[in-house]
C-alpha atoms as a PDB file:
ATOM      1  CA  MET A   1      43.950  55.619  76.631  1.00  0.00           C
ATOM      2  CA  GLU A   2      41.574  53.053  75.083  1.00  0.00           C
ATOM      3  CA  LEU A   3      38.278  54.036  73.599  1.00  0.00           C
ATOM      4  CA  THR A   4      35.956  52.648  70.970  1.00  0.00           C
ATOM      5  CA  THR A   5      35.300  54.514  67.768  1.00  0.00           C
ATOM      6  CA  GLN A   6      31.773  55.118  68.898  1.00  0.00           C
ATOM      7  CA  ALA A   7      33.005  56.599  72.194  1.00  0.00           C
ATOM      8  CA  ILE A   8      35.289  58.961  70.287  1.00  0.00           C
ATOM      9  CA  ALA A   9      32.421  59.927  67.974  1.00  0.00           C
ATOM     10  CA  ASN A  10      30.327  60.787  71.026  1.00  0.00           C
ATOM     11  CA  LEU A  11      33.223  62.851  72.381  1.00  0.00           C
ATOM     12  CA  VAL A  12      33.693  64.948  69.237  1.00  0.00           C
ATOM     13  CA  GLY A  13      30.108  65.017  68.031  1.00  0.00           C
ATOM     14  CA  GLY A  14      30.665  62.780  65.039  1.00  0.00           C
ATOM     15  CA  LYS A  15      29.069  59.794  63.269  1.00  0.00           C
ATOM     16  CA  VAL A  16      30.810  56.472  62.697  1.00  0.00           C
ATOM     17  CA  GLU A  17      31.008  54.867  59.303  1.00  0.00           C
ATOM     18  CA  GLY A  18      32.387  51.443  59.777  1.00  0.00           C
ATOM     19  CA  ASP A  19      33.242  49.481  62.930  1.00  0.00           C
ATOM     20  CA  GLU A  20      31.735  51.173  65.902  1.00  0.00           C
ATOM     21  CA  LYS A  21      33.433  48.882  68.390  1.00  0.00           C
ATOM     22  CA  ALA A  22      37.013  49.186  67.021  1.00  0.00           C
ATOM     23  CA  LYS A  23      39.511  49.938  69.836  1.00  0.00           C
ATOM     24  CA  ILE A  24      41.612  53.060  69.672  1.00  0.00           C
ATOM     25  CA  ASN A  25      44.624  53.441  72.007  1.00  0.00           C
ATOM     26  CA  THR A  26      46.754  56.220  70.370  1.00  0.00           C
ATOM     27  CA  VAL A  27      46.744  59.044  67.911  1.00  0.00           C
ATOM     28  CA  ALA A  28      48.892  59.436  64.783  1.00  0.00           C
ATOM     29  CA  LYS A  29      49.464  61.296  61.545  1.00  0.00           C
ATOM     30  CA  ILE A  30      47.374  59.879  58.754  1.00  0.00           C
ATOM     31  CA  GLN A  31      50.587  58.886  56.760  1.00  0.00           C
ATOM     32  CA  GLU A  32      52.020  57.144  59.853  1.00  0.00           C
ATOM     33  CA  GLY A  33      48.837  55.511  61.228  1.00  0.00           C
ATOM     34  CA  GLU A  34      48.995  51.945  62.422  1.00  0.00           C
ATOM     35  CA  ALA A  35      46.425  49.508  63.893  1.00  0.00           C
ATOM     36  CA  GLY A  36      44.888  51.011  67.088  1.00  0.00           C
ATOM     37  CA  ALA A  37      45.570  54.590  66.075  1.00  0.00           C
ATOM     38  CA  ILE A  38      43.158  57.317  65.033  1.00  0.00           C
ATOM     39  CA  ALA A  39      44.207  60.058  62.550  1.00  0.00           C
ATOM     40  CA  PHE A  40      42.497  62.954  60.874  1.00  0.00           C
ATOM     41  CA  LEU A  41      42.162  64.409  57.382  1.00  0.00           C
ATOM     42  CA  ALA A  42      41.613  68.149  57.174  1.00  0.00           C
ATOM     43  CA  ASN A  43      43.994  69.268  54.378  1.00  0.00           C
ATOM     44  CA  PRO A  44      43.146  67.988  50.879  1.00  0.00           C
ATOM     45  CA  LYS A  45      46.904  67.686  50.161  1.00  0.00           C
ATOM     46  CA  TYR A  46      46.878  64.580  52.394  1.00  0.00           C
ATOM     47  CA  GLU A  47      43.859  62.885  50.890  1.00  0.00           C
ATOM     48  CA  ASN A  48      45.941  60.238  49.104  1.00  0.00           C
ATOM     49  CA  PHE A  49      47.025  58.884  52.499  1.00  0.00           C
ATOM     50  CA  ILE A  50      43.443  58.001  53.538  1.00  0.00           C
ATOM     51  CA  TYR A  51      43.344  55.281  50.894  1.00  0.00           C
ATOM     52  CA  GLU A  52      46.450  53.529  52.176  1.00  0.00           C
ATOM     53  CA  THR A  53      46.630  54.415  55.902  1.00  0.00           C
ATOM     54  CA  GLN A  54      46.825  51.559  58.395  1.00  0.00           C
ATOM     55  CA  ALA A  55      45.129  53.624  61.097  1.00  0.00           C
ATOM     56  CA  THR A  56      42.055  51.983  62.589  1.00  0.00           C
ATOM     57  CA  ALA A  57      40.002  55.157  62.240  1.00  0.00           C
ATOM     58  CA  VAL A  58      40.196  58.598  60.638  1.00  0.00           C
ATOM     59  CA  LEU A  59      38.327  61.745  61.461  1.00  0.00           C
ATOM     60  CA  VAL A  60      37.009  63.485  58.368  1.00  0.00           C
ATOM     61  CA  SER A  61      34.767  66.437  57.714  1.00  0.00           C
ATOM     62  CA  GLU A  62      31.155  65.872  56.787  1.00  0.00           C
ATOM     63  CA  THR A  63      31.750  67.172  53.281  1.00  0.00           C
ATOM     64  CA  PHE A  64      34.541  64.631  52.445  1.00  0.00           C
ATOM     65  CA  GLU A  65      33.816  62.459  49.402  1.00  0.00           C
ATOM     66  CA  ALA A  66      36.065  59.445  48.819  1.00  0.00           C
ATOM     67  CA  LYS A  67      37.407  58.958  45.283  1.00  0.00           C
ATOM     68  CA  GLU A  68      38.608  55.410  45.985  1.00  0.00           C
ATOM     69  CA  SER A  69      37.632  52.619  48.346  1.00  0.00           C
ATOM     70  CA  ILE A  70      38.666  53.101  51.972  1.00  0.00           C
ATOM     71  CA  SER A  71      39.411  50.233  54.413  1.00  0.00           C
ATOM     72  CA  THR A  72      39.581  52.285  57.625  1.00  0.00           C
ATOM     73  CA  THR A  73      36.641  53.366  59.752  1.00  0.00           C
ATOM     74  CA  LEU A  74      35.607  56.951  59.287  1.00  0.00           C
ATOM     75  CA  ILE A  75      34.218  59.326  61.899  1.00  0.00           C
ATOM     76  CA  ARG A  76      32.436  62.202  60.136  1.00  0.00           C
ATOM     77  CA  VAL A  77      32.429  65.521  61.972  1.00  0.00           C
ATOM     78  CA  PRO A  78      31.534  69.144  61.153  1.00  0.00           C
ATOM     79  CA  ASP A  79      35.241  70.113  61.146  1.00  0.00           C
ATOM     80  CA  ALA A  80      37.957  67.409  61.271  1.00  0.00           C
ATOM     81  CA  TYR A  81      40.781  69.717  62.535  1.00  0.00           C
ATOM     82  CA  THR A  82      38.678  71.097  65.401  1.00  0.00           C
ATOM     83  CA  ALA A  83      37.492  67.582  66.358  1.00  0.00           C
ATOM     84  CA  PHE A  84      40.996  66.229  66.367  1.00  0.00           C
ATOM     85  CA  GLY A  85      41.980  69.113  68.652  1.00  0.00           C
ATOM     86  CA  LYS A  86      39.234  68.026  71.118  1.00  0.00           C
ATOM     87  CA  LEU A  87      40.442  64.466  70.907  1.00  0.00           C
ATOM     88  CA  LEU A  88      44.059  65.477  71.575  1.00  0.00           C
ATOM     89  CA  THR A  89      42.890  67.428  74.617  1.00  0.00           C
ATOM     90  CA  ALA A  90      41.176  64.335  75.993  1.00  0.00           C
ATOM     91  CA  TYR A  91      44.175  62.232  75.086  1.00  0.00           C
ATOM     92  CA  GLN A  92      46.512  64.537  76.922  1.00  0.00           C
ATOM     93  CA  GLN A  93      44.323  64.504  80.036  1.00  0.00           C
ATOM     94  CA  MET A  94      44.204  60.708  80.013  1.00  0.00           C
ATOM     95  CA  THR A  95      47.897  60.096  79.483  1.00  0.00           C
ATOM     96  CA  GLN A  96      49.723  62.921  81.298  1.00  0.00           C
ATOM     97  CA  MET A  97      50.410  62.778  84.995  1.00  0.00           C
ATOM     98  CA  LYS A  98      48.391  65.407  86.876  1.00  0.00           C
ATOM     99  CA  LYS A  99      50.835  67.093  89.182  1.00  0.00           C
ATOM    100  CA  VAL A 100      49.473  68.308  92.585  1.00  0.00           C
ATOM    101  CA  GLY A 101      51.183  69.726  95.645  1.00  0.00           C
ATOM    102  CA  ILE A 102      54.002  72.051  96.577  1.00  0.00           C
ATOM    103  CA  GLU A 103      57.556  70.940  95.876  1.00  0.00           C
ATOM    104  CA  LYS A 104      60.530  72.015  97.928  1.00  0.00           C
ATOM    105  CA  PRO A 105      62.469  74.184  97.814  1.00  0.00           C
ATOM    106  CA  SER A 106      59.988  76.870  96.784  1.00  0.00           C
ATOM    107  CA  PHE A 107      58.637  80.027  98.336  1.00  0.00           C
ATOM    108  CA  GLN A 108      55.100  81.131  99.008  1.00  0.00           C
ATOM    109  CA  ALA A 109      54.404  84.386 100.856  1.00  0.00           C
ATOM    110  CA  SER A 110      52.319  83.934 103.948  1.00  0.00           C
ATOM    111  CA  THR A 111      49.759  86.353 102.560  1.00  0.00           C
ATOM    112  CA  SER A 112      49.270  84.339  99.339  1.00  0.00           C
ATOM    113  CA  ASN A 113      46.136  82.239  98.986  1.00  0.00           C
ATOM    114  CA  TRP A 114      45.675  78.929  97.187  1.00  0.00           C
ATOM    115  CA  GLY A 115      42.792  76.970  95.760  1.00  0.00           C
ATOM    116  CA  GLU A 116      42.440  73.175  95.526  1.00  0.00           C
ATOM    117  CA  ASP A 117      44.602  70.819  93.577  1.00  0.00           C
ATOM    118  CA  VAL A 118      47.353  73.388  92.950  1.00  0.00           C
ATOM    119  CA  TYR A 119      50.852  72.427  91.832  1.00  0.00           C
ATOM    120  CA  LEU A 120      53.850  74.569  92.564  1.00  0.00           C
ATOM    121  CA  GLY A 121      57.160  73.255  91.189  1.00  0.00           C
ATOM    122  CA  ALA A 122      60.578  73.428  92.853  1.00  0.00           C
ATOM    123  CA  PHE A 123      62.453  76.701  92.987  1.00  0.00           C
ATOM    124  CA  SER A 124      59.305  78.760  92.234  1.00  0.00           C
ATOM    125  CA  TYR A 125      58.368  81.975  93.976  1.00  0.00           C
ATOM    126  CA  VAL A 126      54.937  83.344  94.759  1.00  0.00           C
ATOM    127  CA  GLY A 127      54.744  86.889  96.243  1.00  0.00           C
ATOM    128  CA  GLU A 128      52.620  88.745  98.731  1.00  0.00           C
ATOM    129  CA  ASN A 129      48.851  88.980  98.430  1.00  0.00           C
ATOM    130  CA  THR A 130      48.741  86.744  95.338  1.00  0.00           C
ATOM    131  CA  LEU A 131      45.628  84.620  94.702  1.00  0.00           C
ATOM    132  CA  ILE A 132      46.061  81.242  92.982  1.00  0.00           C
ATOM    133  CA  GLY A 133      42.817  79.529  91.807  1.00  0.00           C
ATOM    134  CA  ASN A 134      41.842  75.863  91.677  1.00  0.00           C
ATOM    135  CA  ASN A 135      43.789  73.364  89.643  1.00  0.00           C
ATOM    136  CA  VAL A 136      46.460  75.938  88.713  1.00  0.00           C
ATOM    137  CA  LYS A 137      49.833  74.426  87.691  1.00  0.00           C
ATOM    138  CA  ILE A 138      53.064  76.421  88.169  1.00  0.00           C
ATOM    139  CA  TYR A 139      56.081  74.612  86.999  1.00  0.00           C
ATOM    140  CA  PRO A 140      59.597  74.889  88.401  1.00  0.00           C
ATOM    141  CA  ASN A 141      61.685  78.114  88.351  1.00  0.00           C
ATOM    142  CA  SER A 142      58.663  80.363  87.808  1.00  0.00           C
ATOM    143  CA  TYR A 143      58.298  83.746  89.444  1.00  0.00           C
ATOM    144  CA  ILE A 144      54.910  85.173  90.405  1.00  0.00           C
ATOM    145  CA  GLY A 145      55.080  88.699  91.905  1.00  0.00           C
ATOM    146  CA  ASP A 146      53.006  90.512  94.483  1.00  0.00           C
ATOM    147  CA  ASN A 147      49.267  91.191  94.188  1.00  0.00           C
ATOM    148  CA  CYS A 148      48.781  88.873  91.192  1.00  0.00           C
ATOM    149  CA  ARG A 149      45.720  86.779  90.431  1.00  0.00           C
ATOM    150  CA  ILE A 150      45.767  83.533  88.503  1.00  0.00           C
ATOM    151  CA  ASP A 151      42.369  81.999  87.996  1.00  0.00           C
ATOM    152  CA  ASP A 152      41.313  78.326  87.799  1.00  0.00           C
ATOM    153  CA  ASP A 153      42.920  75.723  85.507  1.00  0.00           C
ATOM    154  CA  THR A 154      45.694  77.969  84.239  1.00  0.00           C
ATOM    155  CA  ILE A 155      49.093  76.486  83.442  1.00  0.00           C
ATOM    156  CA  ILE A 156      52.355  78.436  84.041  1.00  0.00           C
ATOM    157  CA  TYR A 157      55.253  76.487  82.466  1.00  0.00           C
ATOM    158  CA  ALA A 158      58.815  76.404  83.735  1.00  0.00           C
ATOM    159  CA  GLY A 159      60.774  79.669  83.855  1.00  0.00           C
ATOM    160  CA  VAL A 160      57.890  82.007  83.327  1.00  0.00           C
ATOM    161  CA  LYS A 161      58.249  85.470  84.947  1.00  0.00           C
ATOM    162  CA  ILE A 162      55.017  87.251  86.017  1.00  0.00           C
ATOM    163  CA  TYR A 163      55.508  90.701  87.460  1.00  0.00           C
ATOM    164  CA  SER A 164      53.458  92.158  90.260  1.00  0.00           C
ATOM    165  CA  ASN A 165      49.783  93.155  89.759  1.00  0.00           C
ATOM    166  CA  THR A 166      49.304  90.893  86.745  1.00  0.00           C
ATOM    167  CA  LYS A 167      45.782  89.387  86.384  1.00  0.00           C
ATOM    168  CA  ILE A 168      45.410  86.055  84.496  1.00  0.00           C
ATOM    169  CA  GLY A 169      42.016  84.528  83.743  1.00  0.00           C
ATOM    170  CA  LYS A 170      40.824  80.926  83.626  1.00  0.00           C
ATOM    171  CA  ASN A 171      42.206  78.171  81.352  1.00  0.00           C
ATOM    172  CA  CYS A 172      45.206  80.242  80.207  1.00  0.00           C
ATOM    173  CA  VAL A 173      48.536  78.767  79.184  1.00  0.00           C
ATOM    174  CA  ILE A 174      51.811  80.620  79.588  1.00  0.00           C
ATOM    175  CA  HIS A 175      54.744  78.836  78.010  1.00  0.00           C
ATOM    176  CA  SER A 176      58.352  78.742  79.197  1.00  0.00           C
ATOM    177  CA  GLY A 177      60.361  81.867  79.112  1.00  0.00           C
ATOM    178  CA  ALA A 178      57.475  84.268  78.718  1.00  0.00           C
ATOM    179  CA  VAL A 179      57.562  87.550  80.668  1.00  0.00           C
ATOM    180  CA  LEU A 180      54.374  89.332  81.651  1.00  0.00           C
ATOM    181  CA  GLY A 181      54.413  92.800  83.160  1.00  0.00           C
ATOM    182  CA  SER A 182      57.928  94.028  82.260  1.00  0.00           C
ATOM    183  CA  ASP A 183      58.276  97.785  81.869  1.00  0.00           C
ATOM    184  CA  GLY A 184      56.820  99.400  78.802  1.00  0.00           C
ATOM    185  CA  PHE A 185      59.357 101.123  76.614  1.00  0.00           C
ATOM    186  CA  GLY A 186      58.785 104.640  77.815  1.00  0.00           C
ATOM    187  CA  PHE A 187      61.642 107.187  77.856  1.00  0.00           C
ATOM    188  CA  ALA A 188      61.451 111.003  77.647  1.00  0.00           C
ATOM    189  CA  PRO A 189      64.236 112.693  75.606  1.00  0.00           C
ATOM    190  CA  GLN A 190      66.196 115.340  77.538  1.00  0.00           C
ATOM    191  CA  LYS A 191      67.843 118.542  76.280  1.00  0.00           C
ATOM    192  CA  ASP A 192      71.299 117.044  76.824  1.00  0.00           C
ATOM    193  CA  GLY A 193      70.442 114.135  74.526  1.00  0.00           C
ATOM    194  CA  SER A 194      69.851 111.526  77.268  1.00  0.00           C
ATOM    195  CA  PHE A 195      66.584 109.718  77.925  1.00  0.00           C
ATOM    196  CA  GLU A 196      64.799 109.611  81.264  1.00  0.00           C
ATOM    197  CA  ALA A 197      62.647 106.586  82.081  1.00  0.00           C
ATOM    198  CA  ILE A 198      58.965 107.184  82.558  1.00  0.00           C
ATOM    199  CA  PRO A 199      57.678 105.001  85.384  1.00  0.00           C
ATOM    200  CA  GLN A 200      55.373 102.258  84.131  1.00  0.00           C
ATOM    201  CA  ILE A 201      52.825 101.821  86.933  1.00  0.00           C
ATOM    202  CA  GLY A 202      50.087  99.890  85.135  1.00  0.00           C
ATOM    203  CA  ASN A 203      49.669  96.125  84.752  1.00  0.00           C
ATOM    204  CA  VAL A 204      48.926  93.263  82.393  1.00  0.00           C
ATOM    205  CA  VAL A 205      45.442  91.670  82.211  1.00  0.00           C
ATOM    206  CA  LEU A 206      44.805  88.366  80.419  1.00  0.00           C
ATOM    207  CA  GLU A 207      41.199  87.285  80.159  1.00  0.00           C
ATOM    208  CA  ASP A 208      40.064  83.630  79.958  1.00  0.00           C
ATOM    209  CA  ASN A 209      41.476  81.071  77.515  1.00  0.00           C
ATOM    210  CA  VAL A 210      44.527  83.101  76.492  1.00  0.00           C
ATOM    211  CA  SER A 211      47.641  81.376  75.310  1.00  0.00           C
ATOM    212  CA  ILE A 212      51.086  82.924  75.443  1.00  0.00           C
ATOM    213  CA  GLY A 213      53.989  81.370  73.565  1.00  0.00           C
ATOM    214  CA  ALA A 214      57.503  80.734  74.661  1.00  0.00           C
ATOM    215  CA  ASN A 215      59.793  83.741  75.181  1.00  0.00           C
ATOM    216  CA  ALA A 216      56.955  86.193  74.412  1.00  0.00           C
ATOM    217  CA  ALA A 217      57.020  89.521  76.236  1.00  0.00           C
ATOM    218  CA  ILE A 218      53.834  91.411  77.325  1.00  0.00           C
ATOM    219  CA  ASP A 219      54.743  94.843  78.766  1.00  0.00           C
ATOM    220  CA  CYS A 220      52.820  96.441  81.522  1.00  0.00           C
ATOM    221  CA  ALA A 221      50.852  99.682  80.871  1.00  0.00           C
ATOM    222  CA  THR A 222      52.247 103.096  81.715  1.00  0.00           C
ATOM    223  CA  MET A 223      48.909 103.579  83.414  1.00  0.00           C
ATOM    224  CA  GLY A 224      45.861 101.316  83.274  1.00  0.00           C
ATOM    225  CA  SER A 225      46.248  97.876  81.668  1.00  0.00           C
ATOM    226  CA  THR A 226      47.790  96.142  78.714  1.00  0.00           C
ATOM    227  CA  LEU A 227      44.823  93.930  77.838  1.00  0.00           C
ATOM    228  CA  LEU A 228      44.534  90.605  75.975  1.00  0.00           C
ATOM    229  CA  LYS A 229      40.881  89.638  75.759  1.00  0.00           C
ATOM    230  CA  LYS A 230      39.234  86.256  75.868  1.00  0.00           C
ATOM    231  CA  GLY A 231      40.631  83.600  73.519  1.00  0.00           C
ATOM    232  CA  VAL A 232      43.717  85.545  72.260  1.00  0.00           C
ATOM    233  CA  LYS A 233      46.568  83.328  71.117  1.00  0.00           C
ATOM    234  CA  ILE A 234      50.159  84.659  71.077  1.00  0.00           C
ATOM    235  CA  ASP A 235      52.926  82.657  69.403  1.00  0.00           C
ATOM    236  CA  ASN A 236      56.597  82.348  70.480  1.00  0.00           C
ATOM    237  CA  LEU A 237      58.846  85.472  70.435  1.00  0.00           C
ATOM    238  CA  VAL A 238      56.002  87.989  70.177  1.00  0.00           C
ATOM    239  CA  GLN A 239      56.294  91.516  71.676  1.00  0.00           C
ATOM    240  CA  ILE A 240      53.250  93.307  72.946  1.00  0.00           C
ATOM    241  CA  ALA A 241      54.070  96.834  74.160  1.00  0.00           C
ATOM    242  CA  HIS A 242      52.522  98.920  76.873  1.00  0.00           C
ATOM    243  CA  ASN A 243      48.872  99.797  76.796  1.00  0.00           C
ATOM    244  CA  VAL A 244      48.115  97.592  73.796  1.00  0.00           C
ATOM    245  CA  GLN A 245      44.636  96.068  73.582  1.00  0.00           C
ATOM    246  CA  ILE A 246      44.022  92.900  71.589  1.00  0.00           C
ATOM    247  CA  GLY A 247      40.447  91.827  70.852  1.00  0.00           C
ATOM    248  CA  LYS A 248      38.831  88.458  71.454  1.00  0.00           C
ATOM    249  CA  ASN A 249      40.048  85.399  69.556  1.00  0.00           C
ATOM    250  CA  THR A 250      42.806  87.261  67.679  1.00  0.00           C
ATOM    251  CA  VAL A 251      45.922  85.178  66.875  1.00  0.00           C
ATOM    252  CA  ILE A 252      49.450  86.557  66.461  1.00  0.00           C
ATOM    253  CA  ALA A 253      52.246  84.431  64.926  1.00  0.00           C
ATOM    254  CA  ALA A 254      55.904  84.390  65.823  1.00  0.00           C
ATOM    255  CA  GLN A 255      58.277  87.331  65.832  1.00  0.00           C
ATOM    256  CA  SER A 256      55.484  89.913  65.424  1.00  0.00           C
ATOM    257  CA  GLY A 257      55.372  93.072  67.428  1.00  0.00           C
ATOM    258  CA  VAL A 258      52.615  95.541  68.404  1.00  0.00           C
ATOM    259  CA  SER A 259      53.783  98.950  69.492  1.00  0.00           C
ATOM    260  CA  GLY A 260      52.458 100.967  72.381  1.00  0.00           C
ATOM    261  CA  SER A 261      48.801 101.992  72.769  1.00  0.00           C
ATOM    262  CA  SER A 262      47.674 100.288  69.561  1.00  0.00           C
ATOM    263  CA  GLU A 263      44.356  98.415  69.471  1.00  0.00           C
ATOM    264  CA  ILE A 264      43.868  95.184  67.515  1.00  0.00           C
ATOM    265  CA  GLY A 265      40.269  94.128  66.785  1.00  0.00           C
ATOM    266  CA  GLU A 266      38.531  90.769  67.384  1.00  0.00           C
ATOM    267  CA  ASN A 267      39.199  87.660  65.317  1.00  0.00           C
ATOM    268  CA  CYS A 268      42.183  89.076  63.565  1.00  0.00           C
ATOM    269  CA  ILE A 269      45.127  87.141  62.196  1.00  0.00           C
ATOM    270  CA  LEU A 270      48.674  88.498  62.325  1.00  0.00           C
ATOM    271  CA  ALA A 271      51.045  86.228  60.453  1.00  0.00           C
ATOM    272  CA  GLY A 272      54.797  85.926  61.290  1.00  0.00           C
ATOM    273  CA  GLN A 273      56.948  88.974  61.656  1.00  0.00           C
ATOM    274  CA  VAL A 274      54.128  91.456  61.347  1.00  0.00           C
ATOM    275  CA  GLY A 275      54.886  94.944  62.760  1.00  0.00           C
ATOM    276  CA  ILE A 276      52.236  97.348  64.053  1.00  0.00           C
ATOM    277  CA  VAL A 277      53.284 100.970  64.878  1.00  0.00           C
ATOM    278  CA  GLY A 278      52.006 102.643  67.956  1.00  0.00           C
ATOM    279  CA  HIS A 279      48.759 104.530  68.584  1.00  0.00           C
ATOM    280  CA  ILE A 280      46.705 103.038  65.686  1.00  0.00           C
ATOM    281  CA  LYS A 281      43.693 100.814  65.492  1.00  0.00           C
ATOM    282  CA  ILE A 282      43.001  97.632  63.445  1.00  0.00           C
ATOM    283  CA  ALA A 283      39.370  96.650  62.673  1.00  0.00           C
ATOM    284  CA  ASP A 284      37.816  93.256  63.461  1.00  0.00           C
ATOM    285  CA  LYS A 285      38.456  90.147  61.339  1.00  0.00           C
ATOM    286  CA  VAL A 286      41.527  91.646  59.557  1.00  0.00           C
ATOM    287  CA  THR A 287      44.227  89.312  58.167  1.00  0.00           C
ATOM    288  CA  ILE A 288      47.757  90.725  57.936  1.00  0.00           C
ATOM    289  CA  ALA A 289      50.176  88.780  55.825  1.00  0.00           C
ATOM    290  CA  ALA A 290      53.640  87.743  56.988  1.00  0.00           C
ATOM    291  CA  GLN A 291      56.344  90.446  57.222  1.00  0.00           C
ATOM    292  CA  SER A 292      53.811  93.259  56.702  1.00  0.00           C
ATOM    293  CA  GLY A 293      54.286  96.565  58.410  1.00  0.00           C
ATOM    294  CA  VAL A 294      51.152  98.509  59.383  1.00  0.00           C
ATOM    295  CA  SER A 295      51.729 102.162  59.752  1.00  0.00           C
ATOM    296  CA  LYS A 296      48.280 103.673  60.015  1.00  0.00           C
ATOM    297  CA  THR A 297      44.754 102.927  61.314  1.00  0.00           C
ATOM    298  CA  TYR A 298      42.848 100.394  59.251  1.00  0.00           C
ATOM    299  CA  THR A 299      39.023 100.428  59.580  1.00  0.00           C
ATOM    300  CA  LYS A 300      37.769  97.896  57.029  1.00  0.00           C
ATOM    301  CA  THR A 301      36.240  94.865  58.806  1.00  0.00           C
ATOM    302  CA  GLY A 302      37.418  91.643  57.320  1.00  0.00           C
ATOM    303  CA  GLY A 303      40.127  93.282  55.215  1.00  0.00           C
ATOM    304  CA  ASN A 304      43.425  91.782  54.072  1.00  0.00           C
ATOM    305  CA  LEU A 305      46.744  93.653  54.334  1.00  0.00           C
ATOM    306  CA  LEU A 306      50.071  92.818  52.719  1.00  0.00           C
ATOM    307  CA  GLY A 307      53.474  94.444  52.392  1.00  0.00           C
ATOM    308  CA  SER A 308      55.452  97.123  54.193  1.00  0.00           C
ATOM    309  CA  PRO A 309      54.051  99.699  54.313  1.00  0.00           C
ATOM    310  CA  ALA A 310      50.928  97.513  54.327  1.00  0.00           C
ATOM    311  CA  ASN A 311      48.298  97.994  51.673  1.00  0.00           C
ATOM    312  CA  GLU A 312      45.159  96.213  50.570  1.00  0.00           C
ATOM    313  CA  HIS A 313      46.159  92.725  49.456  1.00  0.00           C
ATOM    314  CA  HIS A 314      44.834  93.028  45.867  1.00  0.00           C
ATOM    315  CA  GLN A 315      46.484  96.453  45.338  1.00  0.00           C
ATOM    316  CA  GLN A 316      49.801  95.288  46.893  1.00  0.00           C
ATOM    317  CA  ILE A 317      49.913  92.348  44.480  1.00  0.00           C
ATOM    318  CA  LYS A 318      49.623  94.812  41.587  1.00  0.00           C
ATOM    319  CA  ASN A 319      52.355  96.922  43.171  1.00  0.00           C
ATOM    320  CA  PHE A 320      54.650  93.864  43.405  1.00  0.00           C
ATOM    321  CA  VAL A 321      54.117  93.147  39.684  1.00  0.00           C
ATOM    322  CA  VAL A 322      55.235  96.721  38.923  1.00  0.00           C
ATOM    323  CA  MET A 323      58.227  96.465  41.253  1.00  0.00           C
ATOM    324  CA  LYS A 324      59.261  93.198  39.549  1.00  0.00           C
ATOM    325  CA  ASN A 325      59.400  94.948  36.237  1.00  0.00           C
ATOM    326  CA  LEU A 326      60.765  98.226  37.497  1.00  0.00           C
ATOM    327  CA  SER A 327      64.194  97.894  35.842  1.00  0.00           C
ATOM    328  CA  SER A 328      62.700  97.274  32.389  1.00  0.00           C
ATOM    329  CA  LEU A 329      60.182 100.100  32.880  1.00  0.00           C
ATOM    330  CA  LYS A 330      63.092 102.480  33.770  1.00  0.00           C
ATOM    331  CA  LYS A 331      64.895 101.383  30.603  1.00  0.00           C
ATOM    332  CA  LYS A 332      61.826 102.239  28.502  1.00  0.00           C
ATOM    333  CA  VAL A 333      61.545 105.597  30.146  1.00  0.00           C
ATOM    334  CA  ASP A 334      65.243 106.311  29.604  1.00  0.00           C
ATOM    335  CA  ASP A 335      64.877 105.326  25.930  1.00  0.00           C
ATOM    336  CA  LEU A 336      61.886 107.626  25.493  1.00  0.00           C
ATOM    337  CA  ASP A 337      63.786 110.433  27.268  1.00  0.00           C
ATOM    338  CA  ARG A 338      66.678 110.024  24.892  1.00  0.00           C
ATOM    339  CA  LYS A 339      64.423 110.097  21.838  1.00  0.00           C
ATOM    340  CA  ILE A 340      62.637 113.220  23.025  1.00  0.00           C
ATOM    341  CA  ASN A 341      65.918 114.962  23.727  1.00  0.00           C
ATOM    342  CA  SER A 342      67.395 113.929  20.388  1.00  0.00           C
ATOM    343  CA  ASN A 343      64.490 115.604  18.596  1.00  0.00           C
ATOM    344  CA  ASP A 344      65.000 118.954  20.429  1.00  0.00           C
END
């Protein structure tokens, strides 16, 4: 990769302040930047590095105001973090080898269909009546079952398991070890104390631009579909149970779990280790803090939840203060109780 600062500004929709012809050939953290590198400043905690960085250029937001002199070239953009993401995407496309073709040994059913510029890694399996779109990349040791559909420009990394009837949209990324379409956890208790499995005959549907992290599990529906809508991002080690629906552009961080038939709204944020019980609904634009447990439907758009059981953020902070002082409060109550009893 070698681009001028002006070319990068054109790519990310920015404006150059400094040398428009400076050559950029790599990307770097702002504190590690050297000549020829471009970095970014999005978090104010790192502002001190912009006054000493050796990077040739730095992406900054339009609102950034320097407190000291700066020797590097600036590229001002509406949002530095988003712009750097676009730049990294371009950098990745320029520097990574684009794999194409079918490696051996691998298996493709005769009834499967392929688009153009597809890559299928060694020891991979593609089942009957499965449709693979253009520019799909399926890395080694992946399993794609029967009657699946994988649309254009999707990447399936090594060791992914995709059960039959799964539908995956365009520009999706499925990271290593993820399992899509495994049985939902459905068992009927019997009179003798045993549990009988309920057949899970539905599927999993991912709309466009969905990302699934490593070792995540998305269960198939009992009937119908477990649905992740456009733009959903799932982190590593996340469990999505049968018949769950997740709204557009919602993000779920590591070790979280959503129980069966629950519905999460659009543009929600679930931090790490959040737990959602089954058969409830979460409104749009809700943020749920780490290690929270949500046990009932929450209908306030744009709300913030914290704690287990989860409560409104501001209320839960008050509750935490009370809990912190619970032992001293108990002592006061005990003292009052003794005084009252001593007067009887």
